[in-house]
Amino acid sequence: METLNVPTRSRTHFVDITREVQAAAERLGIRDGVVTVFVPHTTAGVTINENADPDVTADMELVLDRMVPWTGGYAHGEGNTAAHVKSSMMGPSLQVLIESGRLLLGTWQSIYFCEFDGPRTRKVWVK
């Protein structure tokens, strides 16, 4: 297993970790198969989406904020309920096929770490 450390700069931050996952898969010696990307945090997640236009992740943040505003009369005492909900919406893990040592992603796809309670440094496990 490889551990990636992902620094985030703001409360919500989508970080493209595709290169880091590819490098981790290479270090693990995965030539053909599947790699799992797992986020061991309850206020962050991971997703695959478009990498060509940064407005896509900006729009994703906007839509998520509309769906789950930061304040909303939530009961959770830490005050970060929205981050927990958004984390569950994105999900804690994904799998990517690998062929001949390369991640099989579409032309415009990247793997994004999704921070919802930053800034901080987070971990991503790759296996």
C-alpha atoms as a PDB file:
ATOM      1  CA  MET A   1       0.000   0.000   0.000  1.00  0.00           C
ATOM      2  CA  GLU A   2       1.121   3.567  -0.699  1.00  0.00           C
ATOM      3  CA  THR A   3       0.121   6.622   1.340  1.00  0.00           C
ATOM      4  CA  LEU A   4      -0.207   9.962  -0.422  1.00  0.00           C
ATOM      5  CA  ASN A   5      -0.158  13.200   1.562  1.00  0.00           C
ATOM      6  CA  VAL A   6      -2.451  15.793   0.021  1.00  0.00           C
ATOM      7  CA  PRO A   7      -2.233  19.412   1.241  1.00  0.00           C
ATOM      8  CA  THR A   8      -5.355  21.506   0.754  1.00  0.00           C
ATOM      9  CA  ARG A   9      -5.594  25.288   0.677  1.00  0.00           C
ATOM     10  CA  SER A  10      -9.210  26.068   1.604  1.00  0.00           C
ATOM     11  CA  ARG A  11     -12.365  24.692   3.211  1.00  0.00           C
ATOM     12  CA  THR A  12     -13.417  23.148  -0.109  1.00  0.00           C
ATOM     13  CA  HIS A  13     -10.663  22.172  -2.492  1.00  0.00           C
ATOM     14  CA  PHE A  14     -10.598  19.714  -5.390  1.00  0.00           C
ATOM     15  CA  VAL A  15      -7.025  18.459  -5.862  1.00  0.00           C
ATOM     16  CA  ASP A  16      -6.052  16.522  -8.989  1.00  0.00           C
ATOM     17  CA  ILE A  17      -4.118  13.502  -7.673  1.00  0.00           C
ATOM     18  CA  THR A  18      -3.987  11.508 -10.922  1.00  0.00           C
ATOM     19  CA  ARG A  19      -0.208  11.751 -11.314  1.00  0.00           C
ATOM     20  CA  GLU A  20       0.362  10.773  -7.709  1.00  0.00           C
ATOM     21  CA  VAL A  21      -1.945   7.749  -8.028  1.00  0.00           C
ATOM     22  CA  GLN A  22      -0.194   6.716 -11.261  1.00  0.00           C
ATOM     23  CA  ALA A  23       3.195   6.979  -9.552  1.00  0.00           C
ATOM     24  CA  ALA A  24       1.946   4.989  -6.564  1.00  0.00           C
ATOM     25  CA  ALA A  25       0.626   2.247  -8.856  1.00  0.00           C
ATOM     26  CA  GLU A  26       4.025   2.112 -10.568  1.00  0.00           C
ATOM     27  CA  ARG A  27       5.850   1.848  -7.226  1.00  0.00           C
ATOM     28  CA  LEU A  28       3.449  -0.942  -6.247  1.00  0.00           C
ATOM     29  CA  GLY A  29       4.318  -2.760  -9.459  1.00  0.00           C
ATOM     30  CA  ILE A  30       0.745  -3.008 -10.725  1.00  0.00           C
ATOM     31  CA  ARG A  31       0.904  -3.847 -14.436  1.00  0.00           C
ATOM     32  CA  ASP A  32      -2.609  -5.124 -15.134  1.00  0.00           C
ATOM     33  CA  GLY A  33      -5.551  -5.076 -12.745  1.00  0.00           C
ATOM     34  CA  VAL A  34      -7.298  -2.608 -10.522  1.00  0.00           C
ATOM     35  CA  VAL A  35      -6.043   0.025  -8.114  1.00  0.00           C
ATOM     36  CA  THR A  36      -8.171   1.211  -5.215  1.00  0.00           C
ATOM     37  CA  VAL A  37      -7.944   4.823  -4.048  1.00  0.00           C
ATOM     38  CA  PHE A  38      -9.274   5.250  -0.488  1.00  0.00           C
ATOM     39  CA  VAL A  39      -9.693   8.370   1.651  1.00  0.00           C
ATOM     40  CA  PRO A  40      -9.582   7.586   5.409  1.00  0.00           C
ATOM     41  CA  HIS A  41     -11.375  10.779   6.449  1.00  0.00           C
ATOM     42  CA  THR A  42     -15.030  11.548   7.216  1.00  0.00           C
ATOM     43  CA  THR A  43     -14.954  15.079   5.789  1.00  0.00           C
ATOM     44  CA  ALA A  44     -13.222  14.390   2.483  1.00  0.00           C
ATOM     45  CA  GLY A  45     -13.800  12.156  -0.510  1.00  0.00           C
ATOM     46  CA  VAL A  46     -12.607  11.189  -3.955  1.00  0.00           C
ATOM     47  CA  THR A  47     -14.137  11.361  -7.431  1.00  0.00           C
ATOM     48  CA  ILE A  48     -13.298  11.123 -11.112  1.00  0.00           C
ATOM     49  CA  ASN A  49     -14.295  14.027 -13.315  1.00  0.00           C
ATOM     50  CA  GLU A  50     -13.212  16.362 -16.102  1.00  0.00           C
ATOM     51  CA  ASN A  51      -9.694  17.792 -16.014  1.00  0.00           C
ATOM     52  CA  ALA A  52      -9.753  20.114 -19.045  1.00  0.00           C
ATOM     53  CA  ASP A  53     -11.804  22.997 -17.663  1.00  0.00           C
ATOM     54  CA  PRO A  54     -11.257  24.214 -14.074  1.00  0.00           C
ATOM     55  CA  ASP A  55     -14.785  25.610 -14.132  1.00  0.00           C
ATOM     56  CA  VAL A  56     -16.048  22.030 -13.746  1.00  0.00           C
ATOM     57  CA  THR A  57     -14.679  21.662 -10.206  1.00  0.00           C
ATOM     58  CA  ALA A  58     -15.704  25.251  -9.401  1.00  0.00           C
ATOM     59  CA  ASP A  59     -19.235  24.411 -10.532  1.00  0.00           C
ATOM     60  CA  MET A  60     -19.185  21.180  -8.522  1.00  0.00           C
ATOM     61  CA  GLU A  61     -18.277  23.193  -5.431  1.00  0.00           C
ATOM     62  CA  LEU A  62     -21.072  25.672  -6.167  1.00  0.00           C
ATOM     63  CA  VAL A  63     -23.690  22.948  -6.609  1.00  0.00           C
ATOM     64  CA  LEU A  64     -22.580  21.075  -3.491  1.00  0.00           C
ATOM     65  CA  ASP A  65     -22.744  24.314  -1.473  1.00  0.00           C
ATOM     66  CA  ARG A  66     -26.276  24.934  -2.739  1.00  0.00           C
ATOM     67  CA  MET A  67     -27.335  21.393  -1.882  1.00  0.00           C
ATOM     68  CA  VAL A  68     -25.600  21.323   1.503  1.00  0.00           C
ATOM     69  CA  PRO A  69     -24.901  24.834   2.832  1.00  0.00           C
ATOM     70  CA  TRP A  70     -22.256  25.225   5.528  1.00  0.00           C
ATOM     71  CA  THR A  71     -24.809  26.557   8.007  1.00  0.00           C
ATOM     72  CA  GLY A  72     -28.229  25.030   8.276  1.00  0.00           C
ATOM     73  CA  GLY A  73     -29.194  24.449  11.881  1.00  0.00           C
ATOM     74  CA  TYR A  74     -27.323  21.139  12.052  1.00  0.00           C
ATOM     75  CA  ALA A  75     -27.038  19.300  15.380  1.00  0.00           C
ATOM     76  CA  HIS A  76     -23.421  18.063  15.065  1.00  0.00           C
ATOM     77  CA  GLY A  77     -21.398  19.901  17.693  1.00  0.00           C
ATOM     78  CA  GLU A  78     -18.198  20.347  15.683  1.00  0.00           C
ATOM     79  CA  GLY A  79     -19.961  22.605  13.182  1.00  0.00           C
ATOM     80  CA  ASN A  80     -18.811  20.693  10.105  1.00  0.00           C
ATOM     81  CA  THR A  81     -21.929  18.690   9.239  1.00  0.00           C
ATOM     82  CA  ALA A  82     -21.883  19.971   5.655  1.00  0.00           C
ATOM     83  CA  ALA A  83     -18.400  18.499   5.212  1.00  0.00           C
ATOM     84  CA  HIS A  84     -19.579  15.107   6.466  1.00  0.00           C
ATOM     85  CA  VAL A  85     -22.565  15.097   4.104  1.00  0.00           C
ATOM     86  CA  LYS A  86     -20.486  16.164   1.083  1.00  0.00           C
ATOM     87  CA  SER A  87     -17.923  13.488   1.916  1.00  0.00           C
ATOM     88  CA  SER A  88     -20.663  10.865   1.831  1.00  0.00           C
ATOM     89  CA  MET A  89     -21.962  12.249  -1.456  1.00  0.00           C
ATOM     90  CA  MET A  90     -18.545  11.928  -3.136  1.00  0.00           C
ATOM     91  CA  GLY A  91     -17.654   8.671  -1.421  1.00  0.00           C
ATOM     92  CA  PRO A  92     -14.496   7.482   0.321  1.00  0.00           C
ATOM     93  CA  SER A  93     -13.082   5.315  -2.468  1.00  0.00           C
ATOM     94  CA  LEU A  94     -12.907   4.474  -6.139  1.00  0.00           C
ATOM     95  CA  GLN A  95     -11.276   1.900  -8.335  1.00  0.00           C
ATOM     96  CA  VAL A  96      -9.407   2.461 -11.580  1.00  0.00           C
ATOM     97  CA  LEU A  97      -8.421  -0.170 -14.102  1.00  0.00           C
ATOM     98  CA  ILE A  98      -4.730  -0.499 -14.968  1.00  0.00           C
ATOM     99  CA  GLU A  99      -3.410  -1.932 -18.220  1.00  0.00           C
ATOM    100  CA  SER A 100       0.275  -2.209 -19.118  1.00  0.00           C
ATOM    101  CA  GLY A 101       1.083  -0.162 -16.014  1.00  0.00           C
ATOM    102  CA  ARG A 102      -1.111   2.831 -16.938  1.00  0.00           C
ATOM    103  CA  LEU A 103      -4.336   4.066 -15.363  1.00  0.00           C
ATOM    104  CA  LEU A 104      -7.219   3.578 -17.792  1.00  0.00           C
ATOM    105  CA  LEU A 105      -8.936   6.944 -17.650  1.00  0.00           C
ATOM    106  CA  GLY A 106     -10.854   8.736 -20.379  1.00  0.00           C
ATOM    107  CA  THR A 107      -9.243  11.579 -22.307  1.00  0.00           C
ATOM    108  CA  TRP A 108     -10.700  14.262 -20.043  1.00  0.00           C
ATOM    109  CA  GLN A 109     -10.781  12.336 -16.759  1.00  0.00           C
ATOM    110  CA  SER A 110      -8.712  12.915 -13.640  1.00  0.00           C
ATOM    111  CA  ILE A 111      -8.862  11.616 -10.092  1.00  0.00           C
ATOM    112  CA  TYR A 112      -9.754  14.357  -7.603  1.00  0.00           C
ATOM    113  CA  PHE A 113      -9.273  14.412  -3.862  1.00  0.00           C
ATOM    114  CA  CYS A 114     -12.250  16.379  -2.500  1.00  0.00           C
ATOM    115  CA  GLU A 115     -11.584  18.437   0.628  1.00  0.00           C
ATOM    116  CA  PHE A 116     -14.629  19.726   2.506  1.00  0.00           C
ATOM    117  CA  ASP A 117     -13.170  20.750   5.892  1.00  0.00           C
ATOM    118  CA  GLY A 118      -9.790  22.286   5.155  1.00  0.00           C
ATOM    119  CA  PRO A 119      -7.287  23.593   4.875  1.00  0.00           C
ATOM    120  CA  ARG A 120      -5.142  20.748   6.138  1.00  0.00           C
ATOM    121  CA  THR A 121      -2.969  17.883   4.959  1.00  0.00           C
ATOM    122  CA  ARG A 122      -4.875  14.667   4.262  1.00  0.00           C
ATOM    123  CA  LYS A 123      -3.983  11.086   3.491  1.00  0.00           C
ATOM    124  CA  VAL A 124      -5.002   8.970   0.522  1.00  0.00           C
ATOM    125  CA  TRP A 125      -4.302   5.262   0.472  1.00  0.00           C
ATOM    126  CA  VAL A 126      -3.564   3.511  -2.810  1.00  0.00           C
ATOM    127  CA  LYS A 127      -3.536  -0.273  -3.071  1.00  0.00           C
END
